[in-house]
Amino acid sequence: MTIAAWLMDDVEGDQREPHRQPGDSAVTLDELAKLGVLHWSGITGPEDPKLEEIKTQRGYTYTDVCNITPETLPDYENKIKSFFKEHIHYDEEIRYCVEGSGYFDVRGFNDEWIRISLEQGDMIILPEGIYHRFTLDDKNYIKAMRLFVGEPVWTPYNRDEIDDKKNASRQKYIATFMQ
């Protein structure tokens, strides 16, 4: 499939709904790139040479696969809510959608939410320090490969718990993409 993105509405409700603003709310892949979001589509599986090339070029040496569905993830509803809390990481976040679908939301240049839809065959890289969150869509299923440089580190730092002006990862992101 092809990654799609749009501006989110402010309507309260199920986070797994599309929450697309009415009218022309599409966000282009070029606009995502300006925010540091990298993307690929059409990857056919974990053994796809395209994926192997990306892993080699970017130095990803560790992978694992997560199945996120109500049947396989203990305390599913609470976990999904925790993934949806706005946060940053001190490393890139890399996800390849092996099966299923979901949404990554990232903050735009004006602090607005941009929703990015991932489906089977899509891969996304979020830069270190970008505010984001994740949720499944209404299908409630994704099988995602996580990729890391070296040993896996996946620690979220919630926006309400860090100081933008003092956080090195956030400052690096601002200096690189928000100027």
C-alpha atoms as a PDB file:
ATOM      1  CA  MET A   1       0.000   0.000   0.000  1.00  0.00           C
ATOM      2  CA  THR A   2       0.959   3.636   0.118  1.00  0.00           C
ATOM      3  CA  ILE A   3       1.314   5.690   3.253  1.00  0.00           C
ATOM      4  CA  ALA A   4      -1.334   8.400   3.608  1.00  0.00           C
ATOM      5  CA  ALA A   5      -1.376  11.351   6.015  1.00  0.00           C
ATOM      6  CA  TRP A   6      -3.845  14.060   6.988  1.00  0.00           C
ATOM      7  CA  LEU A   7      -4.527  16.753   9.567  1.00  0.00           C
ATOM      8  CA  MET A   8      -6.520  15.421  12.488  1.00  0.00           C
ATOM      9  CA  ASP A   9      -9.782  16.856  13.739  1.00  0.00           C
ATOM     10  CA  ASP A  10     -10.374  17.831  17.392  1.00  0.00           C
ATOM     11  CA  VAL A  11     -13.405  15.570  17.839  1.00  0.00           C
ATOM     12  CA  GLU A  12     -13.398  13.495  21.016  1.00  0.00           C
ATOM     13  CA  GLY A  13     -14.018   9.815  20.528  1.00  0.00           C
ATOM     14  CA  ASP A  14     -12.382   6.500  19.804  1.00  0.00           C
ATOM     15  CA  GLN A  15      -8.704   7.079  19.018  1.00  0.00           C
ATOM     16  CA  ARG A  16      -8.892   4.224  16.493  1.00  0.00           C
ATOM     17  CA  GLU A  17     -11.178   6.214  14.173  1.00  0.00           C
ATOM     18  CA  PRO A  18      -9.540   8.170  11.281  1.00  0.00           C
ATOM     19  CA  HIS A  19     -10.198  11.624  12.838  1.00  0.00           C
ATOM     20  CA  ARG A  20      -9.641  13.340   9.502  1.00  0.00           C
ATOM     21  CA  GLN A  21     -10.348  17.086   9.320  1.00  0.00           C
ATOM     22  CA  PRO A  22     -13.091  17.920   6.831  1.00  0.00           C
ATOM     23  CA  GLY A  23     -12.101  19.438   3.496  1.00  0.00           C
ATOM     24  CA  ASP A  24      -8.641  19.232   2.005  1.00  0.00           C
ATOM     25  CA  SER A  25      -6.714  17.959   4.996  1.00  0.00           C
ATOM     26  CA  ALA A  26      -4.202  15.781   3.139  1.00  0.00           C
ATOM     27  CA  VAL A  27      -0.569  16.078   4.176  1.00  0.00           C
ATOM     28  CA  THR A  28       1.913  15.210   1.443  1.00  0.00           C
ATOM     29  CA  LEU A  29       4.817  12.830   1.832  1.00  0.00           C
ATOM     30  CA  ASP A  30       7.103  15.804   1.089  1.00  0.00           C
ATOM     31  CA  GLU A  31       5.598  17.641   4.050  1.00  0.00           C
ATOM     32  CA  LEU A  32       6.261  14.612   6.248  1.00  0.00           C
ATOM     33  CA  ALA A  33       9.859  14.526   5.010  1.00  0.00           C
ATOM     34  CA  LYS A  34      10.314  18.158   6.111  1.00  0.00           C
ATOM     35  CA  LEU A  35       9.362  16.992   9.609  1.00  0.00           C
ATOM     36  CA  GLY A  36      12.024  14.265   9.360  1.00  0.00           C
ATOM     37  CA  VAL A  37       9.571  11.413   8.815  1.00  0.00           C
ATOM     38  CA  LEU A  38      10.958   8.849   6.366  1.00  0.00           C
ATOM     39  CA  HIS A  39       8.770   6.255   4.669  1.00  0.00           C
ATOM     40  CA  TRP A  40       8.721   3.344   2.265  1.00  0.00           C
ATOM     41  CA  SER A  41       5.851   1.351   0.790  1.00  0.00           C
ATOM     42  CA  GLY A  42       5.638  -1.918  -1.101  1.00  0.00           C
ATOM     43  CA  ILE A  43       7.961  -3.956   1.108  1.00  0.00           C
ATOM     44  CA  THR A  44       6.832  -7.533   0.544  1.00  0.00           C
ATOM     45  CA  GLY A  45       8.051  -9.195   3.736  1.00  0.00           C
ATOM     46  CA  PRO A  46      10.893  -9.503   6.247  1.00  0.00           C
ATOM     47  CA  GLU A  47      13.165 -11.034   3.573  1.00  0.00           C
ATOM     48  CA  ASP A  48      12.502  -8.331   0.950  1.00  0.00           C
ATOM     49  CA  PRO A  49      15.837  -7.064  -0.474  1.00  0.00           C
ATOM     50  CA  LYS A  50      14.497  -3.502  -0.164  1.00  0.00           C
ATOM     51  CA  LEU A  51      14.144  -3.962   3.614  1.00  0.00           C
ATOM     52  CA  GLU A  52      17.587  -5.564   3.818  1.00  0.00           C
ATOM     53  CA  GLU A  53      19.073  -2.600   1.945  1.00  0.00           C
ATOM     54  CA  ILE A  54      17.432  -0.106   4.335  1.00  0.00           C
ATOM     55  CA  LYS A  55      18.686  -2.077   7.344  1.00  0.00           C
ATOM     56  CA  THR A  56      22.237  -2.109   5.960  1.00  0.00           C
ATOM     57  CA  GLN A  57      22.252   1.569   4.957  1.00  0.00           C
ATOM     58  CA  ARG A  58      20.915   2.745   8.311  1.00  0.00           C
ATOM     59  CA  GLY A  59      22.821   0.295  10.526  1.00  0.00           C
ATOM     60  CA  TYR A  60      19.827  -1.573  11.943  1.00  0.00           C
ATOM     61  CA  THR A  61      21.201  -4.737  13.503  1.00  0.00           C
ATOM     62  CA  TYR A  62      18.356  -5.880  15.764  1.00  0.00           C
ATOM     63  CA  THR A  63      14.737  -6.628  14.899  1.00  0.00           C
ATOM     64  CA  ASP A  64      11.765  -8.142  16.641  1.00  0.00           C
ATOM     65  CA  VAL A  65       8.106  -8.542  15.757  1.00  0.00           C
ATOM     66  CA  CYS A  66       5.126  -7.450  17.839  1.00  0.00           C
ATOM     67  CA  ASN A  67       1.594  -8.731  17.329  1.00  0.00           C
ATOM     68  CA  ILE A  68      -0.815  -6.165  18.707  1.00  0.00           C
ATOM     69  CA  THR A  69      -4.354  -7.450  18.921  1.00  0.00           C
ATOM     70  CA  PRO A  70      -6.838  -7.926  21.781  1.00  0.00           C
ATOM     71  CA  GLU A  71      -6.174 -11.681  21.697  1.00  0.00           C
ATOM     72  CA  THR A  72      -2.373 -11.487  21.978  1.00  0.00           C
ATOM     73  CA  LEU A  73      -1.563  -8.377  24.035  1.00  0.00           C
ATOM     74  CA  PRO A  74      -2.238  -8.688  27.767  1.00  0.00           C
ATOM     75  CA  ASP A  75      -4.214  -5.737  29.178  1.00  0.00           C
ATOM     76  CA  TYR A  76      -4.880  -4.647  25.590  1.00  0.00           C
ATOM     77  CA  GLU A  77      -7.116  -1.603  26.207  1.00  0.00           C
ATOM     78  CA  ASN A  78      -4.734  -0.046  28.738  1.00  0.00           C
ATOM     79  CA  LYS A  79      -1.685  -0.786  26.553  1.00  0.00           C
ATOM     80  CA  ILE A  80      -3.301   0.875  23.532  1.00  0.00           C
ATOM     81  CA  LYS A  81      -4.050   3.936  25.668  1.00  0.00           C
ATOM     82  CA  SER A  82      -0.435   4.041  26.885  1.00  0.00           C
ATOM     83  CA  PHE A  83       0.885   3.912  23.280  1.00  0.00           C
ATOM     84  CA  PHE A  84      -1.386   6.880  22.547  1.00  0.00           C
ATOM     85  CA  LYS A  85       0.222   9.130  25.161  1.00  0.00           C
ATOM     86  CA  GLU A  86       2.275  11.840  23.451  1.00  0.00           C
ATOM     87  CA  HIS A  87       6.007  11.173  23.819  1.00  0.00           C
ATOM     88  CA  ILE A  88       9.464  11.277  22.261  1.00  0.00           C
ATOM     89  CA  HIS A  89      12.336   8.804  22.136  1.00  0.00           C
ATOM     90  CA  TYR A  90      16.077   9.372  22.383  1.00  0.00           C
ATOM     91  CA  ASP A  91      16.545   7.302  19.209  1.00  0.00           C
ATOM     92  CA  GLU A  92      14.674   6.917  15.939  1.00  0.00           C
ATOM     93  CA  GLU A  93      11.475   4.890  16.038  1.00  0.00           C
ATOM     94  CA  ILE A  94      11.379   2.441  13.121  1.00  0.00           C
ATOM     95  CA  ARG A  95       8.362   0.299  12.273  1.00  0.00           C
ATOM     96  CA  TYR A  96       7.653  -1.962   9.335  1.00  0.00           C
ATOM     97  CA  CYS A  97       4.028  -3.102   9.022  1.00  0.00           C
ATOM     98  CA  VAL A  98       4.198  -6.815   8.216  1.00  0.00           C
ATOM     99  CA  GLU A  99       0.410  -7.300   8.458  1.00  0.00           C
ATOM    100  CA  GLY A 100      -2.595  -5.272   9.564  1.00  0.00           C
ATOM    101  CA  SER A 101      -2.694  -1.497   9.944  1.00  0.00           C
ATOM    102  CA  GLY A 102      -2.444   1.370  12.397  1.00  0.00           C
ATOM    103  CA  TYR A 103      -1.808   5.075  12.857  1.00  0.00           C
ATOM    104  CA  PHE A 104       1.187   7.107  13.929  1.00  0.00           C
ATOM    105  CA  ASP A 105       0.347  10.679  14.874  1.00  0.00           C
ATOM    106  CA  VAL A 106       3.123  13.290  14.757  1.00  0.00           C
ATOM    107  CA  ARG A 107       3.195  16.960  15.628  1.00  0.00           C
ATOM    108  CA  GLY A 108       3.468  19.358  12.696  1.00  0.00           C
ATOM    109  CA  PHE A 109       5.246  22.711  12.464  1.00  0.00           C
ATOM    110  CA  ASN A 110       2.379  24.478  14.272  1.00  0.00           C
ATOM    111  CA  ASP A 111       1.981  21.748  16.906  1.00  0.00           C
ATOM    112  CA  GLU A 112      -1.053  20.332  15.067  1.00  0.00           C
ATOM    113  CA  TRP A 113      -1.588  16.588  14.917  1.00  0.00           C
ATOM    114  CA  ILE A 114      -0.874  14.836  11.628  1.00  0.00           C
ATOM    115  CA  ARG A 115      -2.187  11.277  11.348  1.00  0.00           C
ATOM    116  CA  ILE A 116      -0.128   8.813   9.287  1.00  0.00           C
ATOM    117  CA  SER A 117      -1.820   5.613   8.174  1.00  0.00           C
ATOM    118  CA  LEU A 118       0.351   2.501   7.835  1.00  0.00           C
ATOM    119  CA  GLU A 119      -0.770  -0.680   6.142  1.00  0.00           C
ATOM    120  CA  GLN A 120       0.878  -3.939   5.200  1.00  0.00           C
ATOM    121  CA  GLY A 121       4.139  -3.281   3.339  1.00  0.00           C
ATOM    122  CA  ASP A 122       4.651   0.247   4.734  1.00  0.00           C
ATOM    123  CA  MET A 123       7.658   1.301   6.784  1.00  0.00           C
ATOM    124  CA  ILE A 124       8.125   4.513   8.732  1.00  0.00           C
ATOM    125  CA  ILE A 125      11.014   6.103  10.563  1.00  0.00           C
ATOM    126  CA  LEU A 126      10.291   8.836  13.082  1.00  0.00           C
ATOM    127  CA  PRO A 127      13.310  10.968  13.976  1.00  0.00           C
ATOM    128  CA  GLU A 128      14.688  11.212  17.478  1.00  0.00           C
ATOM    129  CA  GLY A 129      12.869  13.907  19.439  1.00  0.00           C
ATOM    130  CA  ILE A 130       9.639  14.209  17.406  1.00  0.00           C
ATOM    131  CA  TYR A 131       6.458  14.237  19.479  1.00  0.00           C
ATOM    132  CA  HIS A 132       4.289  11.331  18.425  1.00  0.00           C
ATOM    133  CA  ARG A 133       1.910   8.592  19.497  1.00  0.00           C
ATOM    134  CA  PHE A 134       0.561   5.327  18.088  1.00  0.00           C
ATOM    135  CA  THR A 135      -2.777   3.595  17.912  1.00  0.00           C
ATOM    136  CA  LEU A 136      -4.356   0.803  15.985  1.00  0.00           C
ATOM    137  CA  ASP A 137      -7.211   1.549  13.624  1.00  0.00           C
ATOM    138  CA  ASP A 138     -10.680   0.050  13.954  1.00  0.00           C
ATOM    139  CA  LYS A 139      -9.416  -3.342  12.714  1.00  0.00           C
ATOM    140  CA  ASN A 140      -7.526  -3.772  16.027  1.00  0.00           C
ATOM    141  CA  TYR A 141      -4.578  -5.637  14.507  1.00  0.00           C
ATOM    142  CA  ILE A 142      -1.025  -4.949  13.468  1.00  0.00           C
ATOM    143  CA  LYS A 143       2.004  -7.194  13.159  1.00  0.00           C
ATOM    144  CA  ALA A 144       4.920  -4.785  13.220  1.00  0.00           C
ATOM    145  CA  MET A 145       8.638  -5.291  12.972  1.00  0.00           C
ATOM    146  CA  ARG A 146      10.646  -3.007  15.238  1.00  0.00           C
ATOM    147  CA  LEU A 147      14.162  -2.178  14.064  1.00  0.00           C
ATOM    148  CA  PHE A 148      17.035  -0.877  16.171  1.00  0.00           C
ATOM    149  CA  VAL A 149      20.683   0.092  15.925  1.00  0.00           C
ATOM    150  CA  GLY A 150      22.306  -2.268  18.412  1.00  0.00           C
ATOM    151  CA  GLU A 151      20.487  -3.460  21.513  1.00  0.00           C
ATOM    152  CA  PRO A 152      16.817  -2.471  21.570  1.00  0.00           C
ATOM    153  CA  VAL A 153      15.964   0.615  23.581  1.00  0.00           C
ATOM    154  CA  TRP A 154      12.352   1.688  23.558  1.00  0.00           C
ATOM    155  CA  THR A 155      11.740   4.161  26.325  1.00  0.00           C
ATOM    156  CA  PRO A 156       9.015   6.774  25.870  1.00  0.00           C
ATOM    157  CA  TYR A 157       9.521  10.199  27.456  1.00  0.00           C
ATOM    158  CA  ASN A 158       6.090  11.752  27.835  1.00  0.00           C
ATOM    159  CA  ARG A 159       5.631  15.356  26.772  1.00  0.00           C
ATOM    160  CA  ASP A 160       4.097  16.366  30.093  1.00  0.00           C
ATOM    161  CA  GLU A 161       7.183  15.059  31.922  1.00  0.00           C
ATOM    162  CA  ILE A 162      10.049  16.707  29.994  1.00  0.00           C
ATOM    163  CA  ASP A 163      11.279  20.273  29.517  1.00  0.00           C
ATOM    164  CA  ASP A 164      11.645  21.016  25.783  1.00  0.00           C
ATOM    165  CA  LYS A 165      14.314  23.616  26.485  1.00  0.00           C
ATOM    166  CA  LYS A 166      16.485  21.202  28.487  1.00  0.00           C
ATOM    167  CA  ASN A 167      15.901  17.893  26.683  1.00  0.00           C
ATOM    168  CA  ALA A 168      18.819  17.153  24.335  1.00  0.00           C
ATOM    169  CA  SER A 169      16.801  14.938  21.952  1.00  0.00           C
ATOM    170  CA  ARG A 170      14.033  17.486  21.628  1.00  0.00           C
ATOM    171  CA  GLN A 171      16.533  20.315  21.094  1.00  0.00           C
ATOM    172  CA  LYS A 172      18.310  18.253  18.417  1.00  0.00           C
ATOM    173  CA  TYR A 173      14.978  17.716  16.640  1.00  0.00           C
ATOM    174  CA  ILE A 174      14.058  21.419  16.826  1.00  0.00           C
ATOM    175  CA  ALA A 175      17.490  22.495  15.517  1.00  0.00           C
ATOM    176  CA  THR A 176      17.368  19.986  12.644  1.00  0.00           C
ATOM    177  CA  PHE A 177      13.744  20.236  11.484  1.00  0.00           C
ATOM    178  CA  MET A 178      11.879  23.150  13.062  1.00  0.00           C
ATOM    179  CA  GLN A 179      14.104  26.098  12.058  1.00  0.00           C
END
